[in-house]
Amino acid sequence: VFHGRILARRVVGQETRYEVEVRARYRQRFPLVSREYLWVPNTCGCPALREGGE
């Protein structure tokens, strides 16, 4: 679990890749670097992520 800011968004086939700046980590289970990629299927019912948003 982490808190981050969306830096960029790119649609690749059936998925969208978000470049995320990691601001805070809440669980230390997996190592994270200051920037990560988050892949989301285009058919996901998730709330929309906007560039510049947190």
PDB file of N, CA and C in Angstrom:
ATOM      1  N   VAL A   1       0.859  -1.169   0.000  1.00  0.00           N
ATOM      2  CA  VAL A   1       0.000   0.000   0.000  1.00  0.00           C
ATOM      3  C   VAL A   1       0.900   1.225   0.000  1.00  0.00           C
ATOM      4  N   PHE A   2       0.588   2.183  -0.895  1.00  0.00           N
ATOM      5  CA  PHE A   2       1.394   3.397  -0.943  1.00  0.00           C
ATOM      6  C   PHE A   2       0.542   4.591  -1.354  1.00  0.00           C
ATOM      7  N   HIS A   3       1.050   5.768  -1.067  1.00  0.00           N
ATOM      8  CA  HIS A   3       0.438   7.034  -1.478  1.00  0.00           C
ATOM      9  C   HIS A   3       1.340   7.594  -2.565  1.00  0.00           C
ATOM     10  N   GLY A   4       0.756   8.010  -3.674  1.00  0.00           N
ATOM     11  CA  GLY A   4       1.574   8.508  -4.760  1.00  0.00           C
ATOM     12  C   GLY A   4       0.866   9.556  -5.590  1.00  0.00           C
ATOM     13  N   ARG A   5       1.601  10.119  -6.535  1.00  0.00           N
ATOM     14  CA  ARG A   5       1.073  11.127  -7.458  1.00  0.00           C
ATOM     15  C   ARG A   5       1.249  10.606  -8.867  1.00  0.00           C
ATOM     16  N   ILE A   6       0.203  10.715  -9.694  1.00  0.00           N
ATOM     17  CA  ILE A   6       0.246  10.254 -11.081  1.00  0.00           C
ATOM     18  C   ILE A   6       1.040  11.267 -11.907  1.00  0.00           C
ATOM     19  N   LEU A   7       2.118  10.806 -12.540  1.00  0.00           N
ATOM     20  CA  LEU A   7       2.951  11.684 -13.357  1.00  0.00           C
ATOM     21  C   LEU A   7       2.587  11.611 -14.834  1.00  0.00           C
ATOM     22  N   ALA A   8       2.248  10.419 -15.315  1.00  0.00           N
ATOM     23  CA  ALA A   8       1.950  10.243 -16.735  1.00  0.00           C
ATOM     24  C   ALA A   8       1.021   9.054 -16.920  1.00  0.00           C
ATOM     25  N   ARG A   9       0.336   9.053 -18.064  1.00  0.00           N
ATOM     26  CA  ARG A   9      -0.598   7.981 -18.397  1.00  0.00           C
ATOM     27  C   ARG A   9      -0.384   7.595 -19.853  1.00  0.00           C
ATOM     28  N   ARG A  10      -0.375   6.279 -20.131  1.00  0.00           N
ATOM     29  CA  ARG A  10      -0.192   5.814 -21.509  1.00  0.00           C
ATOM     30  C   ARG A  10      -1.032   4.564 -21.721  1.00  0.00           C
ATOM     31  N   VAL A  11      -1.859   4.575 -22.764  1.00  0.00           N
ATOM     32  CA  VAL A  11      -2.683   3.416 -23.105  1.00  0.00           C
ATOM     33  C   VAL A  11      -1.847   2.481 -23.970  1.00  0.00           C
ATOM     34  N   VAL A  12      -1.768   1.204 -23.555  1.00  0.00           N
ATOM     35  CA  VAL A  12      -1.008   0.186 -24.279  1.00  0.00           C
ATOM     36  C   VAL A  12      -1.933  -1.010 -24.462  1.00  0.00           C
ATOM     37  N   GLY A  13      -2.500  -1.139 -25.656  1.00  0.00           N
ATOM     38  CA  GLY A  13      -3.409  -2.255 -25.929  1.00  0.00           C
ATOM     39  C   GLY A  13      -4.644  -2.206 -25.046  1.00  0.00           C
ATOM     40  N   GLN A  14      -4.869  -3.267 -24.283  1.00  0.00           N
ATOM     41  CA  GLN A  14      -6.048  -3.390 -23.418  1.00  0.00           C
ATOM     42  C   GLN A  14      -5.801  -2.840 -22.013  1.00  0.00           C
ATOM     43  N   GLU A  15      -4.635  -2.243 -21.779  1.00  0.00           N
ATOM     44  CA  GLU A  15      -4.286  -1.751 -20.446  1.00  0.00           C
ATOM     45  C   GLU A  15      -3.804  -0.308 -20.503  1.00  0.00           C
ATOM     46  N   THR A  16      -3.832   0.343 -19.357  1.00  0.00           N
ATOM     47  CA  THR A  16      -3.297   1.691 -19.224  1.00  0.00           C
ATOM     48  C   THR A  16      -2.154   1.644 -18.227  1.00  0.00           C
ATOM     49  N   ARG A  17      -1.019   2.250 -18.605  1.00  0.00           N
ATOM     50  CA  ARG A  17       0.146   2.294 -17.721  1.00  0.00           C
ATOM     51  C   ARG A  17       0.249   3.691 -17.122  1.00  0.00           C
ATOM     52  N   TYR A  18       0.303   3.741 -15.808  1.00  0.00           N
ATOM     53  CA  TYR A  18       0.462   5.001 -15.092  1.00  0.00           C
ATOM     54  C   TYR A  18       1.858   5.048 -14.493  1.00  0.00           C
ATOM     55  N   GLU A  19       2.547   6.176 -14.673  1.00  0.00           N
ATOM     56  CA  GLU A  19       3.823   6.389 -14.001  1.00  0.00           C
ATOM     57  C   GLU A  19       3.509   7.123 -12.706  1.00  0.00           C
ATOM     58  N   VAL A  20       3.921   6.545 -11.588  1.00  0.00           N
ATOM     59  CA  VAL A  20       3.538   7.053 -10.275  1.00  0.00           C
ATOM     60  C   VAL A  20       4.777   7.439  -9.475  1.00  0.00           C
ATOM     61  N   GLU A  21       4.744   8.626  -8.867  1.00  0.00           N
ATOM     62  CA  GLU A  21       5.776   9.044  -7.923  1.00  0.00           C
ATOM     63  C   GLU A  21       5.331   8.585  -6.539  1.00  0.00           C
ATOM     64  N   VAL A  22       6.097   7.710  -5.916  1.00  0.00           N
ATOM     65  CA  VAL A  22       5.745   7.182  -4.598  1.00  0.00           C
ATOM     66  C   VAL A  22       6.088   8.234  -3.551  1.00  0.00           C
ATOM     67  N   ARG A  23       5.084   8.643  -2.765  1.00  0.00           N
ATOM     68  CA  ARG A  23       5.288   9.657  -1.726  1.00  0.00           C
ATOM     69  C   ARG A  23       5.421   9.043  -0.341  1.00  0.00           C
ATOM     70  N   ALA A  24       4.641   8.007  -0.052  1.00  0.00           N
ATOM     71  CA  ALA A  24       4.700   7.360   1.262  1.00  0.00           C
ATOM     72  C   ALA A  24       4.334   5.891   1.105  1.00  0.00           C
ATOM     73  N   ARG A  25       4.992   5.040   1.873  1.00  0.00           N
ATOM     74  CA  ARG A  25       4.692   3.606   1.887  1.00  0.00           C
ATOM     75  C   ARG A  25       4.098   3.261   3.238  1.00  0.00           C
ATOM     76  N   TYR A  26       3.048   2.449   3.224  1.00  0.00           N
ATOM     77  CA  TYR A  26       2.371   2.095   4.465  1.00  0.00           C
ATOM     78  C   TYR A  26       2.645   0.668   4.907  1.00  0.00           C
ATOM     79  N   ARG A  27       3.011  -0.184   4.006  1.00  0.00           N
ATOM     80  CA  ARG A  27       3.420  -1.549   4.336  1.00  0.00           C
ATOM     81  C   ARG A  27       4.743  -1.799   3.632  1.00  0.00           C
ATOM     82  N   GLN A  28       5.632  -2.435   4.308  1.00  0.00           N
ATOM     83  CA  GLN A  28       6.982  -2.632   3.778  1.00  0.00           C
ATOM     84  C   GLN A  28       7.176  -4.027   3.188  1.00  0.00           C
ATOM     85  N   ARG A  29       6.118  -4.656   2.694  1.00  0.00           N
ATOM     86  CA  ARG A  29       6.215  -6.033   2.193  1.00  0.00           C
ATOM     87  C   ARG A  29       7.034  -6.145   0.909  1.00  0.00           C
ATOM     88  N   PHE A  30       6.935  -5.154   0.033  1.00  0.00           N
ATOM     89  CA  PHE A  30       7.641  -5.192  -1.240  1.00  0.00           C
ATOM     90  C   PHE A  30       8.495  -3.938  -1.374  1.00  0.00           C
ATOM     91  N   PRO A  31       9.706  -4.079  -1.900  1.00  0.00           N
ATOM     92  CA  PRO A  31      10.536  -2.884  -2.090  1.00  0.00           C
ATOM     93  C   PRO A  31       9.961  -2.006  -3.205  1.00  0.00           C
ATOM     94  N   LEU A  32       9.903  -0.715  -2.965  1.00  0.00           N
ATOM     95  CA  LEU A  32       9.447   0.248  -3.966  1.00  0.00           C
ATOM     96  C   LEU A  32      10.527   1.296  -4.160  1.00  0.00           C
ATOM     97  N   VAL A  33      10.635   1.795  -5.378  1.00  0.00           N
ATOM     98  CA  VAL A  33      11.539   2.903  -5.657  1.00  0.00           C
ATOM     99  C   VAL A  33      10.709   4.174  -5.721  1.00  0.00           C
ATOM    100  N   SER A  34      11.349   5.321  -5.924  1.00  0.00           N
ATOM    101  CA  SER A  34      10.623   6.591  -5.895  1.00  0.00           C
ATOM    102  C   SER A  34       9.616   6.732  -7.038  1.00  0.00           C
ATOM    103  N   ARG A  35       9.823   5.994  -8.132  1.00  0.00           N
ATOM    104  CA  ARG A  35       8.865   5.989  -9.247  1.00  0.00           C
ATOM    105  C   ARG A  35       8.546   4.553  -9.623  1.00  0.00           C
ATOM    106  N   GLU A  36       7.269   4.283  -9.799  1.00  0.00           N
ATOM    107  CA  GLU A  36       6.806   2.941 -10.146  1.00  0.00           C
ATOM    108  C   GLU A  36       5.811   3.044 -11.291  1.00  0.00           C
ATOM    109  N   TYR A  37       5.591   1.924 -11.988  1.00  0.00           N
ATOM    110  CA  TYR A  37       4.551   1.834 -13.007  1.00  0.00           C
ATOM    111  C   TYR A  37       3.392   1.037 -12.445  1.00  0.00           C
ATOM    112  N   LEU A  38       2.201   1.508 -12.682  1.00  0.00           N
ATOM    113  CA  LEU A  38       0.982   0.839 -12.251  1.00  0.00           C
ATOM    114  C   LEU A  38       0.190   0.510 -13.507  1.00  0.00           C
ATOM    115  N   TRP A  39      -0.098  -0.793 -13.733  1.00  0.00           N
ATOM    116  CA  TRP A  39      -0.851  -1.237 -14.906  1.00  0.00           C
ATOM    117  C   TRP A  39      -2.289  -1.508 -14.503  1.00  0.00           C
ATOM    118  N   VAL A  40      -3.250  -0.961 -15.248  1.00  0.00           N
ATOM    119  CA  VAL A  40      -4.672  -1.124 -14.953  1.00  0.00           C
ATOM    120  C   VAL A  40      -5.382  -1.555 -16.232  1.00  0.00           C
ATOM    121  N   PRO A  41      -6.187  -2.639 -16.185  1.00  0.00           N
ATOM    122  CA  PRO A  41      -6.958  -3.034 -17.373  1.00  0.00           C
ATOM    123  C   PRO A  41      -7.957  -1.941 -17.746  1.00  0.00           C
ATOM    124  N   ASN A  42      -8.148  -1.728 -19.050  1.00  0.00           N
ATOM    125  CA  ASN A  42      -9.087  -0.691 -19.503  1.00  0.00           C
ATOM    126  C   ASN A  42     -10.526  -1.020 -19.135  1.00  0.00           C
ATOM    127  N   THR A  43     -10.830  -2.273 -18.849  1.00  0.00           N
ATOM    128  CA  THR A  43     -12.189  -2.681 -18.488  1.00  0.00           C
ATOM    129  C   THR A  43     -12.420  -2.631 -16.983  1.00  0.00           C
ATOM    130  N   CYS A  44     -11.447  -2.151 -16.236  1.00  0.00           N
ATOM    131  CA  CYS A  44     -11.545  -2.086 -14.773  1.00  0.00           C
ATOM    132  C   CYS A  44     -12.643  -1.101 -14.366  1.00  0.00           C
ATOM    133  N   GLY A  45     -13.396  -1.439 -13.329  1.00  0.00           N
ATOM    134  CA  GLY A  45     -14.422  -0.542 -12.807  1.00  0.00           C
ATOM    135  C   GLY A  45     -13.861   0.418 -11.765  1.00  0.00           C
ATOM    136  N   CYS A  46     -12.555   0.601 -11.765  1.00  0.00           N
ATOM    137  CA  CYS A  46     -11.879   1.463 -10.787  1.00  0.00           C
ATOM    138  C   CYS A  46     -12.179   2.937 -11.064  1.00  0.00           C
ATOM    139  N   PRO A  47     -12.065   3.796 -10.051  1.00  0.00           N
ATOM    140  CA  PRO A  47     -12.206   5.235 -10.296  1.00  0.00           C
ATOM    141  C   PRO A  47     -11.115   5.712 -11.257  1.00  0.00           C
ATOM    142  N   ALA A  48     -11.419   6.707 -12.041  1.00  0.00           N
ATOM    143  CA  ALA A  48     -10.446   7.240 -13.006  1.00  0.00           C
ATOM    144  C   ALA A  48      -9.268   7.876 -12.275  1.00  0.00           C
ATOM    145  N   LEU A  49      -8.053   7.616 -12.779  1.00  0.00           N
ATOM    146  CA  LEU A  49      -6.848   8.238 -12.244  1.00  0.00           C
ATOM    147  C   LEU A  49      -6.467   9.370 -13.183  1.00  0.00           C
ATOM    148  N   ARG A  50      -6.157  10.530 -12.634  1.00  0.00           N
ATOM    149  CA  ARG A  50      -5.812  11.690 -13.458  1.00  0.00           C
ATOM    150  C   ARG A  50      -4.356  12.077 -13.248  1.00  0.00           C
ATOM    151  N   GLU A  51      -3.709  12.532 -14.325  1.00  0.00           N
ATOM    152  CA  GLU A  51      -2.338  13.013 -14.205  1.00  0.00           C
ATOM    153  C   GLU A  51      -2.309  14.183 -13.241  1.00  0.00           C
ATOM    154  N   GLY A  52      -1.321  14.189 -12.368  1.00  0.00           N
ATOM    155  CA  GLY A  52      -1.192  15.240 -11.367  1.00  0.00           C
ATOM    156  C   GLY A  52      -1.993  14.958 -10.109  1.00  0.00           C
ATOM    157  N   GLY A  53      -2.897  13.984 -10.168  1.00  0.00           N
ATOM    158  CA  GLY A  53      -3.717  13.644  -9.002  1.00  0.00           C
ATOM    159  C   GLY A  53      -2.980  12.733  -8.042  1.00  0.00           C
ATOM    160  N   GLU A  54      -3.507  12.631  -6.827  1.00  0.00           N
ATOM    161  CA  GLU A  54      -2.914  11.761  -5.806  1.00  0.00           C
ATOM    162  C   GLU A  54      -3.881  10.667  -5.455  1.00  0.00           C
TER     163      GLU A  54
END
